[in-house]
Protein backbone atom coordinates (compact mmCIF):
# COMPACT_ATOMS: atom_id res chain seq x y z
CA MET A 1 0.57 20.53 -1.91
CA LEU A 2 2.52 20.18 1.42
CA LYS A 3 1.63 22.19 3.81
CA GLU A 4 4.86 24.84 5.33
CA ASP A 5 3.96 22.85 9.21
CA GLY A 6 4.39 19.97 7.46
CA LYS A 7 0.99 18.56 7.51
CA MET A 8 -0.45 16.25 4.75
CA LYS A 9 -3.75 15.36 3.37
CA VAL A 10 -3.27 11.49 2.66
CA GLY A 11 -6.25 9.94 0.61
CA VAL A 12 -7.00 6.32 1.34
CA LEU A 13 -8.83 3.84 -1.22
CA SER A 14 -12.05 3.72 0.58
CA PHE A 15 -14.48 0.81 -1.44
CA GLN A 16 -13.44 -1.80 1.52
CA GLY A 17 -11.08 -3.16 3.65
CA GLY A 18 -9.09 -1.15 6.46
CA VAL A 19 -10.19 1.76 5.10
CA ILE A 20 -11.12 3.18 9.00
CA GLU A 21 -7.73 1.68 10.63
CA HIS A 22 -5.19 3.36 8.52
CA LEU A 23 -7.63 6.90 8.35
CA ASN A 24 -7.16 6.23 12.48
CA HIS A 25 -3.20 6.19 12.09
CA ILE A 26 -3.01 8.92 9.60
CA LYS A 27 -4.66 10.81 12.24
CA ALA A 28 -2.43 9.67 14.98
CA LEU A 29 0.49 11.23 13.41
CA GLY A 30 -1.18 14.38 12.79
CA HIS A 31 -2.47 14.80 9.31
CA THR A 32 -5.32 14.66 7.61
CA GLY A 33 -7.39 11.50 5.92
CA ILE A 34 -9.78 11.56 2.75
CA LYS A 35 -11.60 8.74 1.71
CA VAL A 36 -11.06 8.07 -1.77
CA LYS A 37 -14.11 7.16 -3.69
CA LYS A 38 -14.33 9.08 -6.43
CA GLU A 39 -11.64 10.75 -9.48
CA GLU A 40 -12.68 14.17 -7.47
CA ASP A 41 -10.94 13.00 -4.60
CA LEU A 42 -7.74 12.63 -6.01
CA ASN A 43 -7.37 16.10 -6.84
CA ASP A 44 -6.41 17.42 -3.24
CA ILE A 45 -3.94 14.77 -1.87
CA ASP A 46 -0.47 14.54 -1.03
CA ALA A 47 -0.25 10.71 -0.99
CA ILE A 48 -2.65 7.58 -1.18
CA ILE A 49 -3.09 4.28 0.84
CA LEU A 50 -4.37 1.62 -0.97
CA PRO A 51 -5.61 -0.49 1.62
CA GLY A 52 -6.36 -4.78 2.29
CA GLY A 53 -9.62 -6.29 1.35
CA GLU A 54 -10.37 -8.27 -1.68
CA SER A 55 -8.33 -7.21 -4.40
CA THR A 56 -10.96 -8.56 -7.41
CA THR A 57 -13.68 -6.54 -5.58
CA ILE A 58 -11.71 -3.36 -5.68
CA GLY A 59 -10.51 -3.88 -8.88
CA LYS A 60 -13.71 -4.11 -10.05
CA LEU A 61 -15.17 -1.14 -8.47
CA LEU A 62 -11.95 1.35 -9.22
CA LYS A 63 -13.11 0.29 -12.66
CA MET A 64 -17.03 1.06 -12.18
CA THR A 65 -16.08 4.32 -11.01
CA GLY A 66 -14.02 5.42 -13.34
CA LEU A 67 -11.23 5.62 -10.68
CA ILE A 68 -8.87 2.99 -12.44
CA LYS A 69 -7.42 5.52 -15.18
CA PRO A 70 -6.67 9.01 -13.24
CA LEU A 71 -5.37 7.36 -10.16
CA LYS A 72 -2.85 4.87 -12.34
CA GLU A 73 -2.20 8.28 -14.22
CA LYS A 74 -1.29 9.80 -10.58
CA ILE A 75 0.71 7.27 -9.57
CA GLU A 76 2.53 6.87 -12.71
CA SER A 77 3.11 11.09 -12.32
CA GLY A 78 4.61 10.37 -8.74
CA LEU A 79 1.99 10.51 -6.20
CA PRO A 80 3.45 8.65 -3.21
CA THR A 81 1.48 5.14 -2.93
CA TRP A 82 1.51 2.65 -0.26
CA GLY A 83 -0.43 -0.62 -0.69
CA THR A 84 -1.22 -2.77 2.17
CA CYS A 85 -2.16 -6.65 0.65
CA ALA A 86 -4.94 -6.58 -1.42
CA GLY A 87 -3.39 -3.24 -2.59
CA MET A 88 -0.23 -4.94 -3.27
CA ILE A 89 -2.12 -6.82 -5.75
CA LEU A 90 -3.32 -3.96 -7.18
CA LEU A 91 -0.18 -2.53 -7.89
CA ALA A 92 1.57 -5.18 -9.48
CA ASN A 93 1.83 -5.58 -13.39
CA GLU A 94 1.86 -9.46 -12.74
CA ILE A 95 -0.33 -11.59 -10.87
CA GLU A 96 0.25 -15.74 -11.01
CA GLY A 97 -2.66 -17.68 -12.75
CA GLN A 98 -4.33 -14.05 -13.61
CA GLU A 99 -4.67 -12.63 -17.04
CA GLU A 100 -6.15 -9.23 -15.61
CA LYS A 101 -4.14 -6.50 -14.32
CA TYR A 102 -5.46 -3.53 -12.11
CA LEU A 103 -3.11 -0.40 -11.60
CA ASN A 104 -0.06 -2.05 -13.49
CA THR A 105 1.82 0.42 -11.97
CA MET A 106 4.93 -1.70 -10.13
CA ASP A 107 7.51 -4.13 -11.35
CA ILE A 108 6.52 -6.98 -9.24
CA LYS A 109 5.03 -10.50 -9.61
CA VAL A 110 2.49 -11.34 -7.08
CA GLU A 111 0.92 -14.61 -5.57
CA ARG A 112 -3.02 -14.11 -4.38
CA ASN A 113 -3.82 -15.65 -1.40
CA ALA A 114 0.07 -17.24 -1.29
CA PHE A 115 0.27 -17.04 3.12
CA GLY A 116 -3.07 -19.29 2.73
CA THR A 117 -6.63 -18.91 4.25
CA GLN A 118 -8.18 -16.62 6.42
CA ILE A 119 -7.51 -19.58 9.37
CA ASP A 120 -3.82 -19.60 7.99
CA SER A 121 -3.54 -15.92 9.16
CA PHE A 122 -0.40 -14.93 11.75
CA LYS A 123 2.13 -12.28 13.25
CA ILE A 124 5.21 -11.98 14.08
CA HIS A 125 7.55 -9.42 15.04
CA LYS A 126 10.48 -8.21 12.00
CA ILE A 127 12.72 -5.85 12.10
CA ILE A 128 12.95 -3.59 8.78
CA LYS A 129 16.20 -1.68 8.76
CA GLU A 130 14.77 1.05 6.34
CA VAL A 131 11.75 1.74 8.23
CA SER A 132 12.73 1.27 12.06
CA GLU A 133 15.60 -0.24 14.13
CA GLU A 134 13.08 -1.74 16.49
CA ASN A 135 10.93 -4.73 15.65
CA ILE A 136 7.50 -3.99 13.86
CA GLU A 137 4.65 -5.95 14.59
CA LEU A 138 3.49 -7.91 10.99
CA VAL A 139 -0.09 -9.17 10.56
CA PHE A 140 -0.82 -11.08 7.56
CA ILE A 141 -4.35 -11.81 6.66
CA ARG A 142 -4.20 -14.43 3.46
CA ALA A 143 -1.96 -12.67 2.81
CA PRO A 144 0.05 -12.16 -0.97
CA TYR A 145 3.82 -12.41 -1.68
CA ILE A 146 5.99 -11.12 -4.03
CA THR A 147 7.27 -13.94 -6.75
CA GLU A 148 9.69 -11.73 -8.87
CA VAL A 149 10.74 -8.33 -8.99
CA LYS A 150 12.38 -6.19 -11.79
CA GLU A 151 15.81 -4.45 -11.06
CA THR A 152 14.56 -1.24 -10.80
CA VAL A 153 12.42 -2.56 -7.21
CA GLU A 154 14.13 -2.80 -4.21
CA ILE A 155 13.39 -5.18 -1.39
CA LEU A 156 12.38 -3.93 2.04
CA CYS A 157 11.42 -6.79 3.89
CA GLU A 158 11.56 -10.83 3.07
CA LEU A 159 9.85 -13.42 4.87
CA ASP A 160 10.88 -17.69 4.30
CA ASN A 161 12.44 -16.17 1.09
CA LYS A 162 9.86 -14.89 0.10
CA ILE A 163 9.77 -11.09 -0.48
CA VAL A 164 6.61 -9.22 1.59
CA ALA A 165 7.59 -5.65 1.57
CA ALA A 166 8.98 -3.72 -1.70
CA LYS A 167 9.53 -0.14 -2.84
CA GLN A 168 9.70 1.48 -6.84
CA LYS A 169 10.35 5.24 -6.86
CA ASN A 170 6.96 6.74 -5.35
CA ILE A 171 4.91 3.05 -4.58
CA ILE A 172 5.70 1.17 -1.53
CA ALA A 173 3.76 -2.62 -1.25
CA THR A 174 3.95 -5.06 1.70
CA ALA A 175 2.02 -8.23 2.43
CA PHE A 176 1.14 -7.38 5.49
CA HIS A 177 -1.51 -4.99 8.07
CA PRO A 178 0.57 -2.17 9.81
CA GLU A 179 -2.82 -1.10 10.45
CA LEU A 180 -3.76 -3.38 12.56
CA THR A 181 -1.01 -3.06 14.73
CA ASN A 182 -0.74 0.10 17.50
CA ASP A 183 3.08 0.45 15.45
CA LEU A 184 2.68 3.54 13.37
CA SER A 185 6.72 3.48 12.29
CA PHE A 186 6.02 2.31 9.03
CA LEU A 187 3.31 4.81 8.10
CA SER A 188 6.01 7.11 9.26
CA TYR A 189 8.06 5.97 7.29
CA PHE A 190 6.01 6.39 4.21
CA LEU A 191 4.82 9.67 5.05
CA LYS A 192 8.59 10.66 5.60
CA SER A 193 9.36 9.72 2.20
CA THR A 194 6.40 11.10 0.94
CA ALA A 195 7.47 14.61 2.80
CA GLU A 196 11.61 14.09 0.85
CA LYS A 197 9.02 14.54 -2.85
CA PHE A 198 8.52 18.07 -2.03
CA LYS A 199 11.55 19.50 -0.60
């Protein structure tokens, strides 16, 4: 439950990927980051971030640790959730060329590694009006993008007609990595939407 001072406990799924970077950004905004590796870690958080990494590996670890079912239930019951890159793939209810799904909580279809391999990584600056009136640095590393959405999904950002950020109820998904920049505006946007849940 959100404290009176507005401080939050924000979980970061901590199997691999940009865990430390997310935790550092959470701390920079004055909140507490919690590493999430087992079911008990879900009990005392106000929101959760699913970081980048290798979606297949993270998906296997979610199943091996028994975390996938309780995490899915938490998300479906309204836990504010933000998936970056691999996190977007974990949230999707459909993955191009792959029958297996993971959390299956967001009405999106994604394509893995859609922008190419590691050497095709890039960054751009773009205004996302729901997030900030200023340009935000967007970092793409072996990034997916969303190929289809249902009417329940709000598109936040497109790049070359490819959907790279979207929101559905309590869930946000981005193909890019705000945690790999010094810009805290996207995290601020996510936590603001989290705070509004408690009003």
